[in-house]
Every structure is written in structure tokens, then in C-alpha cells.
Protein backbone atom coordinates (compact mmCIF):
# COMPACT_ATOMS: atom_id res chain seq x y z
CA MET A 1 29.02 143.54 111.94
CA THR A 2 32.58 142.55 112.68
CA SER A 3 33.57 140.63 115.78
CA SER A 4 35.25 143.69 117.27
CA GLU A 5 32.09 145.76 116.73
CA ALA A 6 30.01 143.01 118.30
CA LEU A 7 32.29 142.98 121.32
CA ARG A 8 32.05 146.76 121.68
CA LEU A 9 28.26 146.59 121.43
CA THR A 10 28.12 143.84 124.04
CA ALA A 11 30.37 145.82 126.37
CA ARG A 12 28.18 148.92 125.91
CA VAL A 13 25.02 146.96 126.71
CA LEU A 14 26.64 145.44 129.79
CA ARG A 15 27.80 148.85 131.03
CA ARG A 16 24.34 150.35 130.60
CA THR A 17 22.71 147.37 132.28
CA LEU A 18 25.12 147.69 135.21
CA LEU A 19 24.38 151.41 135.49
CA VAL A 20 20.65 150.70 135.60
CA LEU A 21 21.11 148.01 138.23
CA VAL A 22 23.14 150.42 140.37
CA ALA A 23 20.84 153.40 139.72
CA ILE A 24 17.58 151.70 140.73
CA PRO A 25 18.47 151.09 144.40
CA LEU A 26 20.15 154.50 144.63
CA LEU A 27 17.06 156.25 143.26
CA TYR A 28 14.84 154.17 145.54
CA PHE A 29 16.90 155.18 148.58
CA ALA A 30 16.95 158.84 147.52
CA ALA A 31 13.16 158.85 147.08
CA LEU A 32 12.76 157.10 150.43
CA VAL A 33 14.76 159.82 152.19
CA VAL A 34 13.34 162.84 150.36
CA LEU A 35 9.68 161.82 150.39
CA GLY A 36 9.98 160.63 153.98
CA LEU A 37 11.20 164.07 155.00
CA ILE A 38 8.39 165.94 153.22
CA PRO A 39 5.27 165.73 155.41
CA ALA A 40 1.68 165.39 154.40
CA ASN A 41 -0.77 167.00 156.87
CA TRP A 42 2.06 169.22 158.10
CA ALA A 43 -0.26 171.35 160.29
CA TRP A 44 -1.67 168.36 162.18
CA ARG A 45 -1.61 168.46 165.96
CA GLU A 46 -2.47 165.58 168.26
CA ALA A 47 -5.89 165.90 169.87
CA ASP A 48 -6.13 166.55 173.61
CA ARG A 49 -9.06 164.13 173.88
CA GLY A 50 -10.54 161.56 171.58
CA VAL A 51 -9.69 158.02 170.43
CA THR A 52 -6.34 156.55 171.41
CA ILE A 53 -4.66 154.47 168.73
CA PHE A 54 -1.23 152.84 168.68
CA VAL A 55 1.38 152.50 165.98
CA ASN A 56 3.31 149.29 166.53
CA THR A 57 6.62 148.04 165.08
CA ASN A 58 8.64 144.84 165.34
CA GLY A 59 11.65 146.57 163.82
CA VAL A 60 10.66 145.72 160.25
CA HIS A 61 6.88 145.77 160.01
CA THR A 62 4.39 148.31 161.38
CA GLY A 63 0.73 148.04 162.29
CA ILE A 64 -2.06 150.18 163.71
CA GLY A 65 -3.76 149.51 167.04
CA MET A 66 -7.43 150.46 167.36
CA PRO A 67 -10.13 149.91 169.99
CA LEU A 68 -11.96 146.66 169.36
CA VAL A 69 -15.23 148.51 169.77
CA ASN A 70 -16.29 152.09 170.40
CA GLU A 71 -19.10 154.37 169.29
CA ILE A 72 -17.50 154.83 165.85
CA MET A 73 -16.55 151.28 164.88
CA ASP A 74 -17.22 147.76 166.12
CA TRP A 75 -14.51 145.46 164.73
CA ARG A 76 -15.94 142.30 166.34
CA PRO A 77 -17.88 141.16 163.23
CA TYR A 78 -14.66 141.51 161.20
CA VAL A 79 -12.36 139.73 163.65
CA PRO A 80 -14.56 137.38 165.73
CA ALA A 81 -13.01 135.50 168.63
CA GLU A 82 -13.67 132.12 166.99
CA HIS A 83 -11.01 132.93 164.40
CA LEU A 84 -8.35 132.71 167.11
CA ARG A 85 -6.70 129.49 168.28
CA VAL A 86 -7.80 130.40 171.80
CA PRO A 87 -11.07 132.34 171.47
CA ALA A 88 -10.34 135.02 174.04
CA ARG A 89 -9.45 138.50 172.93
CA GLY A 90 -8.51 141.89 174.32
CA ASN A 91 -9.93 145.36 173.94
CA TYR A 92 -7.61 146.43 171.10
CA ILE A 93 -6.62 145.01 167.74
CA ILE A 94 -3.34 145.64 165.92
CA VAL A 95 -3.93 145.59 162.16
CA GLY A 96 -1.15 145.15 159.61
CA TYR A 97 -1.05 144.49 155.89
CA GLY A 98 1.45 142.54 153.83
CA HIS A 99 2.41 140.12 151.09
CA ARG A 100 0.90 136.66 151.54
CA ASP A 101 4.13 134.66 151.04
CA PHE A 102 6.08 136.95 153.34
CA TYR A 103 3.49 136.56 156.08
CA LEU A 104 2.93 132.81 155.80
CA ASN A 105 6.19 131.38 154.48
CA THR A 106 8.93 133.72 155.70
CA PRO A 107 9.04 133.56 159.50
CA SER A 108 12.61 134.95 159.46
CA TRP A 109 14.91 136.61 156.93
CA ALA A 110 16.79 133.31 156.64
CA ASP A 111 13.64 131.80 155.13
CA LEU A 112 13.31 134.45 152.43
CA SER A 113 13.48 132.94 148.94
CA LEU A 114 14.39 134.77 145.74
CA ALA A 115 10.95 133.96 144.33
CA THR A 116 9.18 135.52 147.32
CA ALA A 117 11.39 138.61 147.23
CA PHE A 118 10.89 139.05 143.47
CA ASN A 119 7.12 138.56 143.65
CA ALA A 120 6.77 140.98 146.56
CA ALA A 121 8.95 143.67 144.97
CA THR A 122 7.25 143.50 141.57
CA GLY A 123 3.64 143.35 142.72
CA LEU A 124 3.00 139.65 142.09
CA GLY A 125 1.04 137.54 144.52
CA ARG A 126 -1.78 138.14 146.95
CA THR A 127 -2.01 140.08 150.19
CA LEU A 128 -3.25 139.46 153.72
CA VAL A 129 -4.41 141.48 156.68
CA HIS A 130 -2.88 140.42 160.00
CA VAL A 131 -4.75 141.09 163.25
CA ASP A 132 -3.40 140.76 166.81
CA HIS A 133 -5.74 141.00 169.80
CA LEU A 134 -4.29 142.83 172.82
CA GLN A 135 -5.56 143.81 176.23
CA ASP A 136 -4.82 147.35 177.43
CA PRO A 137 -1.78 148.06 175.18
CA ARG A 138 0.80 150.46 176.58
CA GLU A 139 3.35 152.80 175.08
CA SER A 140 6.85 151.39 174.73
CA THR A 141 9.89 151.69 172.49
CA GLU A 142 8.04 149.50 169.96
CA GLN A 143 4.62 151.12 170.32
CA LYS A 144 3.55 154.76 170.27
CA ALA A 145 0.17 156.10 171.30
CA ILE A 146 -1.65 158.83 169.37
CA THR A 147 -4.91 160.54 170.27
CA LEU A 148 -7.16 161.22 167.28
CA THR A 149 -10.31 163.29 167.07
CA PRO A 150 -13.47 161.25 166.35
CA ASP A 151 -13.45 162.49 162.74
CA GLU A 152 -9.80 161.50 162.29
CA TYR A 153 -10.50 158.07 163.70
CA ARG A 154 -13.50 157.69 161.41
CA ARG A 155 -11.27 158.42 158.41
CA LEU A 156 -8.73 155.88 159.65
CA VAL A 157 -11.46 153.25 159.91
CA ASP A 158 -12.68 154.13 156.42
CA TYR A 159 -9.20 153.38 155.09
CA VAL A 160 -8.56 150.16 157.02
CA ARG A 161 -11.97 148.49 156.77
CA PRO A 162 -12.01 148.02 152.94
CA ARG A 163 -8.69 146.18 153.08
CA PHE A 164 -10.57 143.14 154.47
CA GLN A 165 -11.83 140.95 151.66
CA LEU A 166 -15.42 139.80 152.23
CA ASP A 167 -17.22 136.67 151.07
CA ALA A 168 -20.66 136.54 149.44
CA GLN A 169 -22.30 136.81 152.87
CA GLY A 170 -20.28 139.94 153.74
CA ARG A 171 -17.97 138.14 156.20
CA THR A 172 -14.20 138.41 156.44
CA ILE A 173 -12.22 135.40 155.18
CA PRO A 174 -9.71 134.02 157.72
CA VAL A 175 -6.74 131.84 156.79
CA PRO A 176 -7.39 128.82 159.05
CA GLY A 177 -4.69 127.86 161.53
CA ARG A 178 -2.03 130.24 160.27
CA GLY A 179 -1.72 132.75 163.11
CA TYR A 180 1.70 133.10 164.72
CA TYR A 181 0.36 132.79 168.27
CA THR A 182 -2.97 132.12 169.99
CA ASN A 183 -4.16 135.73 169.84
CA ASP A 184 -3.73 136.57 166.14
CA ALA A 185 -5.18 135.64 162.76
CA PHE A 186 -4.68 136.31 159.05
CA TYR A 187 -7.41 137.44 156.66
CA GLU A 188 -7.65 137.60 152.89
CA ALA A 189 -7.09 141.18 151.77
CA ASN A 190 -7.92 143.60 148.99
CA GLY A 191 -5.08 145.49 147.35
CA GLY A 192 -1.59 144.88 146.07
CA TYR A 193 1.92 144.78 147.49
CA SER A 194 5.16 145.93 145.85
CA ALA A 195 8.41 147.75 146.51
CA ILE A 196 6.33 150.93 146.32
CA MET A 197 3.29 149.76 148.30
CA THR A 198 4.94 148.00 151.25
CA CYS A 199 3.49 147.03 154.60
CA ASN A 200 4.90 150.24 156.08
CA GLU A 201 3.62 152.41 153.25
CA TRP A 202 0.20 150.91 153.96
CA THR A 203 0.52 152.12 157.57
CA GLY A 204 1.67 155.52 156.35
CA ARG A 205 -1.27 155.79 153.94
CA ALA A 206 -3.71 154.88 156.69
CA LEU A 207 -2.30 157.59 158.96
CA ARG A 208 -2.21 160.14 156.15
CA ALA A 209 -5.85 159.31 155.35
CA ALA A 210 -6.71 160.03 158.99
CA GLY A 211 -4.97 163.40 158.72
CA VAL A 212 -1.90 162.54 160.83
CA ARG A 213 1.37 164.24 159.90
CA MET A 214 3.37 161.62 158.02
CA GLY A 215 5.94 161.49 155.21
CA LEU A 216 4.66 161.41 151.65
CA TRP A 217 6.12 157.92 151.20
CA THR A 218 6.95 155.52 154.04
CA PRO A 219 8.25 152.20 152.64
CA ILE A 220 10.29 151.25 155.71
CA GLU A 221 9.33 151.19 159.37
CA GLN A 222 11.73 154.02 160.27
CA SER A 223 9.86 156.26 157.81
CA VAL A 224 6.71 155.73 159.86
CA MET A 225 7.95 155.68 163.44
CA TRP A 226 10.22 158.74 163.47
CA ARG A 227 7.37 161.06 162.45
CA LEU A 228 5.14 160.15 165.37
CA PRO A 229 4.80 162.51 168.35
């Protein structure tokens, strides 16, 4: 191969690499929009009476608020008060799911490292469940209430509960001393995290499992929140 041929080959490889690098985020964004617009459970209607849950957002990350205890599920053995810095809890829990390094080592976007971003996007690293304890949560711009039938709530519980990793004695595994405040705690989780399976897609999957109308893919918080009644 002559030097001119080698240069042409190198230029061709670079062009194709650049096209791939440009195409990946464009395809990701296109899928985000299209699949977010196509609803699963399109015929769903909110129940007139039943179990009130909340879908919570901080502008980036979403979570699901559920009664601490009712006739369908008692979450107290999973999230006991002694796991909190101050062992006093409310009557609701907000459950979220995410990448371990993001949760524990990235308190703000300024703290995000390339290694954490790469590991999270590509499915490397472990995951955690995050649980906040709240008393009498209310609707707000960051929190929407939904009423589910008992069967819908049971299906939601059946999706969320297995995300908690259990020890040999069947107990959840807290991460000691790593809550953000006095009323929250982290737990070791089952499942992976990636650019496809994000914290918000986890919320979307939980709601879809319950039968709530939700986009087919919800990787960002806007994908989740705009669909809610």
C-alpha cells in the first residue's frame, strides 16, 4: 500500500468513525422521542378509588411514592426505621433506582467523572435502591398523585419489591451512613443500569407493569412526568 492509499484509508476510517459518533446520539434522541410518544396501556384510566401513589421528580431523577403499609404491602421489614440516621419515618416511602457511583459519588453534575459516566452508560457497575420516608406527601409541581386499583398497586409492588437485594436471612442490605438526609437510605439492588435502562426508565417500567399509561421507553424524567394525569 502506498502512502497516498494509506492516507485515503485513514481518512475514510476517520469519516466513518465520526459519522458513527454523530449518529449514536441522534438515534438515541430519535428513539427517546418516538418511543416516549407511543403509549403502553393506552386505554388505562385512573381509578376513582383505591391506592394513592406519587411519582416524584427532582428535575433529573424520578421515583415512586407508595404507602409504607396497607392491606396489600407492608414495606416496614424492607426499610426499617433503624436504617435511618434519625429513626423516625413517615407514612409513605419514595423509591428510586440508580447507578451506585452516580448515587454515592456524584452529588452534583460538577462531580461527574468520565469514568462514572462511561460505566453508567455502558452497563458497568452496581446499582442501588434509594428510599425516602415522607409524612403525608402532597401534589406539587415536582410530585403527581395517581390513584391505582388494588390489583394495579399489587402489580406495582411485584415489580418494585424484587429490586431490593436480600441477604441470606432474607433482609434488605442498607449502605451504612450514606443517605443524603436524615430520612433516607440506600440499599443494595438487583438489576443493571445503562443508557437504555436508566433511573427514569426504571420508573417507567414500574408504572407500565402496574398498567399505567406510559411511553414505551422513558430514559429521561420528562418522558415519565408528561404522561401522568
